[in-house]
Amino acid sequence: MGHRTSTVLALIMSMMLTTLVIAAPARPAQAAKQPASGTAASAAGSAAAGAADAPAASHKTLYLTFDDGPSQRYTPQILDILRREHVRATFFVLGSRSQEYPGLVRRIRLEGHELGNHGFYHEVITGKPDVWVRQDVTKAERAIRAASGVTPVLYRPPGGMIDQREMAMLTKAGHPVVLWTLDSGDWRAKSAAPIVNTVLRNVQPGAIVLFHDGISPSRYTAQALPKIIRVCRARGYTFELVPVGPAASRITTHADSRQ
């Protein structure tokens, strides 16, 4: 979801070598599928997040995340694959699309996945007044809650673009920021092969993997996903929801060439 400078790539890779530390309250199996509290989503950054009872990277856990949906065309395909492969994921959905396709947002929740907030119209927040940022996040939150019945806690900024001040403001408002540690590159793909190769070549325990279900190249994401899941599972990986926690302690910003 953006061009990397060598400095950013080095920073991301160094962070991926550390244990993914996330605050993760125990989640009963039934509650994970239909949270009784009315709260969905997750917390952890591309640079990881904060407390002690986090899943260790040595457990070979992967966190699959999907942005920019829901899409009437591609989200159902991806949900069908995840259901068939018995994998749960985190979907960072747009408020505008939640209003347009509320049934898909409900399906995401009812099939045991987590919902995160990706803003209302996918507008980059950097440089915007604080009041604008808060209003955008709140407007998206209300749309997602109206569609799904749950309130998204976790926030992923459009383009992954956010600074420390904005992250502190959103965290204080109860919206921990999640970025990613592995960009699948599906947003620029022209076939499934480069997506598969990028993920399988770079995956490491504890990786938060960035995919998209709401853009035109998501057709290739759907094609790539079964092989990625099966090969990673054969390598001993398991797939989990990004755990919910209070804050992300470090961040990395990402340029988004699609903006």
Protein backbone atom coordinates (compact mmCIF):
# COMPACT_ATOMS: atom_id res chain seq x y z
CA MET A 1 0.00 0.00 0.00
CA GLY A 2 2.93 2.30 -0.62
CA HIS A 3 6.48 2.69 -1.83
CA ARG A 4 9.11 1.94 0.81
CA THR A 5 12.36 3.74 1.27
CA SER A 6 15.24 1.57 2.34
CA THR A 7 15.11 3.21 5.77
CA VAL A 8 11.46 2.29 6.32
CA LEU A 9 12.03 -1.26 5.08
CA ALA A 10 14.92 -1.67 7.46
CA LEU A 11 12.83 -0.34 10.34
CA ILE A 12 9.93 -2.66 9.58
CA MET A 13 12.18 -5.73 9.27
CA SER A 14 13.93 -4.91 12.54
CA MET A 15 10.58 -4.63 14.30
CA MET A 16 9.41 -7.95 12.82
CA LEU A 17 12.36 -9.67 14.48
CA THR A 18 11.09 -8.65 17.91
CA THR A 19 8.28 -10.37 19.81
CA LEU A 20 4.85 -9.07 18.88
CA VAL A 21 3.69 -7.62 22.18
CA ILE A 22 -0.02 -6.95 22.34
CA ALA A 23 -2.47 -6.63 25.17
CA ALA A 24 -4.82 -9.55 24.63
CA PRO A 25 -7.67 -10.13 27.05
CA ALA A 26 -8.92 -13.70 27.10
CA ARG A 27 -11.54 -14.21 24.44
CA PRO A 28 -14.06 -17.05 24.94
CA ALA A 29 -14.66 -18.92 21.73
CA GLN A 30 -18.32 -18.03 21.55
CA ALA A 31 -17.70 -14.39 22.44
CA ALA A 32 -15.16 -14.10 19.66
CA LYS A 33 -17.79 -14.98 17.12
CA GLN A 34 -20.53 -12.76 18.54
CA PRO A 35 -19.01 -10.41 21.14
CA ALA A 36 -21.49 -10.00 23.95
CA SER A 37 -20.08 -6.60 24.78
CA GLY A 38 -20.88 -5.21 21.35
CA THR A 39 -17.21 -4.49 20.67
CA ALA A 40 -15.18 -5.79 17.75
CA ALA A 41 -11.69 -5.16 16.37
CA SER A 42 -8.15 -5.45 17.55
CA ALA A 43 -5.09 -3.59 18.65
CA ALA A 44 -1.48 -3.76 17.57
CA GLY A 45 0.58 -1.72 15.24
CA SER A 46 2.88 -2.40 12.38
CA ALA A 47 5.34 -1.65 15.11
CA ALA A 48 3.39 -3.66 17.72
CA ALA A 49 1.53 -2.76 20.85
CA GLY A 50 1.59 -2.83 24.48
CA ALA A 51 1.26 -5.25 27.48
CA ALA A 52 2.51 -8.50 28.87
CA ASP A 53 0.22 -11.39 27.99
CA ALA A 54 0.84 -11.22 24.25
CA PRO A 55 1.24 -14.19 21.87
CA ALA A 56 4.94 -14.84 21.42
CA ALA A 57 6.38 -14.80 17.94
CA SER A 58 7.77 -18.29 18.53
CA HIS A 59 4.20 -19.60 18.45
CA LYS A 60 4.23 -19.06 14.66
CA THR A 61 1.01 -17.08 14.65
CA LEU A 62 -0.08 -14.98 11.68
CA TYR A 63 -2.65 -12.18 11.64
CA LEU A 64 -4.39 -11.67 8.30
CA THR A 65 -5.91 -8.23 7.76
CA PHE A 66 -8.00 -6.82 4.91
CA ASP A 67 -8.54 -3.15 4.03
CA ASP A 68 -10.86 -0.93 2.00
CA GLY A 69 -13.96 -3.11 1.96
CA PRO A 70 -16.45 -4.39 2.00
CA SER A 71 -16.71 -5.01 -1.73
CA GLN A 72 -19.79 -6.62 -3.21
CA ARG A 73 -17.59 -8.52 -5.64
CA TYR A 74 -14.49 -9.56 -3.70
CA THR A 75 -15.37 -9.63 -0.01
CA PRO A 76 -17.77 -12.60 -0.43
CA GLN A 77 -15.07 -14.54 -2.32
CA ILE A 78 -12.53 -13.90 0.44
CA LEU A 79 -15.04 -14.77 3.17
CA ASP A 80 -15.86 -18.04 1.39
CA ILE A 81 -12.15 -18.93 1.30
CA LEU A 82 -11.60 -18.08 4.96
CA ARG A 83 -14.63 -20.14 5.97
CA ARG A 84 -13.48 -23.10 3.88
CA GLU A 85 -9.97 -22.92 5.34
CA HIS A 86 -11.21 -22.30 8.92
CA VAL A 87 -9.29 -19.04 9.21
CA ARG A 88 -10.42 -15.88 10.98
CA ALA A 89 -9.14 -12.43 10.04
CA THR A 90 -9.50 -8.74 10.82
CA PHE A 91 -11.31 -6.50 8.32
CA PHE A 92 -10.68 -2.74 8.41
CA VAL A 93 -13.81 -1.50 6.70
CA LEU A 94 -14.82 1.92 5.41
CA GLY A 95 -17.81 3.68 6.91
CA SER A 96 -19.17 4.63 3.48
CA ARG A 97 -19.06 1.05 2.27
CA SER A 98 -20.55 -0.20 5.51
CA GLN A 99 -23.57 1.95 4.72
CA GLU A 100 -23.64 0.68 1.16
CA TYR A 101 -23.22 -3.02 1.99
CA PRO A 102 -24.43 -3.56 5.58
CA GLY A 103 -25.18 -7.23 4.91
CA LEU A 104 -21.53 -7.91 4.15
CA VAL A 105 -20.43 -6.14 7.32
CA ARG A 106 -22.84 -8.30 9.31
CA ARG A 107 -21.55 -11.41 7.56
CA ILE A 108 -17.95 -10.53 8.47
CA ARG A 109 -18.94 -10.29 12.10
CA LEU A 110 -21.21 -13.35 12.19
CA GLU A 111 -18.54 -15.57 10.62
CA GLY A 112 -16.20 -14.85 13.52
CA HIS A 113 -13.97 -12.15 12.06
CA GLU A 114 -13.11 -8.83 13.66
CA LEU A 115 -14.13 -5.42 12.39
CA GLY A 116 -11.80 -2.45 12.46
CA ASN A 117 -12.31 1.19 11.49
CA HIS A 118 -10.59 2.43 8.29
CA GLY A 119 -12.20 5.86 8.17
CA PHE A 120 -15.31 6.91 6.30
CA TYR A 121 -14.12 7.71 2.77
CA HIS A 122 -10.46 6.53 2.86
CA GLU A 123 -9.13 10.08 3.16
CA VAL A 124 -5.57 10.40 4.44
CA ILE A 125 -5.68 12.00 7.89
CA THR A 126 -2.21 13.52 8.09
CA GLY A 127 -2.34 17.30 7.90
CA LYS A 128 -6.04 17.38 8.77
CA PRO A 129 -7.27 19.29 11.85
CA ASP A 130 -7.77 17.12 14.94
CA VAL A 131 -11.49 17.83 14.93
CA TRP A 132 -11.74 16.54 11.34
CA VAL A 133 -9.89 13.33 12.24
CA ARG A 134 -12.09 12.66 15.24
CA GLN A 135 -15.24 13.32 13.25
CA ASP A 136 -14.13 10.99 10.43
CA VAL A 137 -13.35 8.16 12.84
CA THR A 138 -16.62 8.68 14.72
CA LYS A 139 -18.69 8.83 11.54
CA ALA A 140 -17.16 5.56 10.32
CA GLU A 141 -17.63 3.97 13.75
CA ARG A 142 -21.34 4.80 13.73
CA ALA A 143 -21.81 3.38 10.24
CA ILE A 144 -20.02 0.14 11.15
CA ARG A 145 -22.01 -0.21 14.36
CA ALA A 146 -25.28 0.40 12.54
CA ALA A 147 -24.42 -2.32 10.02
CA SER A 148 -22.98 -4.92 12.37
CA GLY A 149 -24.27 -4.26 15.87
CA VAL A 150 -20.71 -3.99 17.24
CA THR A 151 -18.49 -0.99 17.83
CA PRO A 152 -15.07 -1.16 16.17
CA VAL A 153 -12.26 -0.33 18.57
CA LEU A 154 -9.24 -0.70 16.36
CA TYR A 155 -8.29 1.89 13.78
CA ARG A 156 -6.08 1.63 10.70
CA PRO A 157 -5.40 4.97 8.99
CA PRO A 158 -5.93 5.13 5.23
CA GLY A 159 -2.59 4.60 3.51
CA GLY A 160 -1.09 3.68 6.88
CA MET A 161 -0.26 7.37 7.15
CA ILE A 162 -0.29 8.74 10.69
CA ASP A 163 2.08 10.59 12.97
CA GLN A 164 2.82 10.22 16.67
CA ARG A 165 0.55 13.09 17.70
CA GLU A 166 -2.42 11.71 15.76
CA MET A 167 -1.83 8.23 17.10
CA ALA A 168 -1.68 9.51 20.68
CA MET A 169 -4.92 11.43 20.15
CA LEU A 170 -6.76 8.41 18.71
CA THR A 171 -5.40 6.05 21.34
CA LYS A 172 -6.57 8.40 24.09
CA ALA A 173 -9.99 8.43 22.40
CA GLY A 174 -10.12 4.63 22.64
CA HIS A 175 -8.98 3.73 19.12
CA PRO A 176 -5.61 1.92 19.22
CA VAL A 177 -3.86 2.02 15.85
CA VAL A 178 -2.97 -1.12 13.87
CA LEU A 179 -0.65 -0.94 10.89
CA TRP A 180 1.16 -4.01 9.50
CA THR A 181 4.52 -5.75 9.38
CA LEU A 182 4.14 -7.44 5.99
CA ASP A 183 2.61 -5.74 2.93
CA SER A 184 1.41 -8.40 0.47
CA GLY A 185 1.61 -5.86 -2.35
CA ASP A 186 -1.78 -6.95 -3.61
CA TRP A 187 -2.79 -3.33 -4.25
CA ARG A 188 -0.37 -3.18 -7.19
CA ALA A 189 -0.61 -6.81 -8.35
CA LYS A 190 -1.50 -7.85 -11.89
CA SER A 191 -1.74 -11.53 -11.02
CA ALA A 192 -1.85 -13.76 -7.96
CA ALA A 193 1.74 -15.00 -8.24
CA PRO A 194 3.55 -11.91 -6.89
CA ILE A 195 1.20 -11.78 -3.90
CA VAL A 196 1.92 -15.40 -3.07
CA ASN A 197 5.66 -14.94 -3.56
CA THR A 198 5.85 -11.77 -1.47
CA VAL A 199 4.04 -13.28 1.49
CA LEU A 200 5.72 -16.69 1.46
CA ARG A 201 9.18 -15.19 1.00
CA ASN A 202 8.84 -12.66 3.83
CA VAL A 203 6.47 -14.18 6.36
CA GLN A 204 7.73 -14.48 9.93
CA PRO A 205 6.08 -15.50 13.21
CA GLY A 206 3.85 -12.77 14.56
CA ALA A 207 3.43 -11.04 11.19
CA ILE A 208 0.45 -8.76 10.63
CA VAL A 209 -0.19 -9.23 6.90
CA LEU A 210 -1.81 -6.49 4.82
CA PHE A 211 -4.31 -7.51 2.13
CA HIS A 212 -7.21 -5.69 0.50
CA ASP A 213 -10.76 -6.86 -0.20
CA GLY A 214 -12.16 -3.61 -1.58
CA ILE A 215 -10.09 -2.68 -4.64
CA SER A 216 -9.87 -3.98 -8.20
CA PRO A 217 -6.71 -6.08 -7.65
CA SER A 218 -8.52 -7.85 -4.81
CA ARG A 219 -9.47 -10.41 -7.46
CA TYR A 220 -5.84 -11.54 -7.29
CA THR A 221 -5.91 -11.50 -3.49
CA ALA A 222 -8.76 -14.00 -3.60
CA GLN A 223 -6.81 -16.17 -6.03
CA ALA A 224 -3.64 -16.04 -3.93
CA LEU A 225 -5.19 -16.60 -0.52
CA PRO A 226 -5.77 -20.39 -0.60
CA LYS A 227 -2.14 -21.16 -1.45
CA ILE A 228 -0.81 -18.69 1.11
CA ILE A 229 -2.96 -20.22 3.84
CA ARG A 230 -2.14 -23.82 2.97
CA VAL A 231 1.62 -23.31 2.60
CA CYS A 232 1.84 -21.28 5.80
CA ARG A 233 -0.19 -23.90 7.66
CA ALA A 234 2.11 -26.62 6.31
CA ARG A 235 5.04 -24.61 7.72
CA GLY A 236 3.44 -24.75 11.15
CA TYR A 237 1.70 -21.38 11.25
CA THR A 238 -1.67 -20.78 12.85
CA PHE A 239 -4.03 -17.88 12.10
CA GLU A 240 -5.59 -15.70 14.75
CA LEU A 241 -7.49 -12.46 15.17
CA VAL A 242 -5.33 -9.50 16.08
CA PRO A 243 -5.82 -9.31 19.85
CA VAL A 244 -7.53 -6.32 21.39
CA GLY A 245 -5.36 -4.08 23.55
CA PRO A 246 -5.06 -0.54 24.86
CA ALA A 247 -2.38 1.09 22.71
CA ALA A 248 0.42 0.80 20.19
CA SER A 249 3.75 1.90 21.62
CA ARG A 250 5.62 2.52 18.38
CA ILE A 251 4.52 3.25 14.82
CA THR A 252 5.80 3.30 11.31
CA THR A 253 4.21 5.54 8.69
CA HIS A 254 3.73 4.36 5.14
CA ALA A 255 3.37 6.37 1.96
CA ASP A 256 0.44 5.32 -0.19
CA SER A 257 1.04 5.68 -3.91
CA ARG A 258 -2.67 5.30 -4.62
CA GLN A 259 -3.52 8.61 -2.94
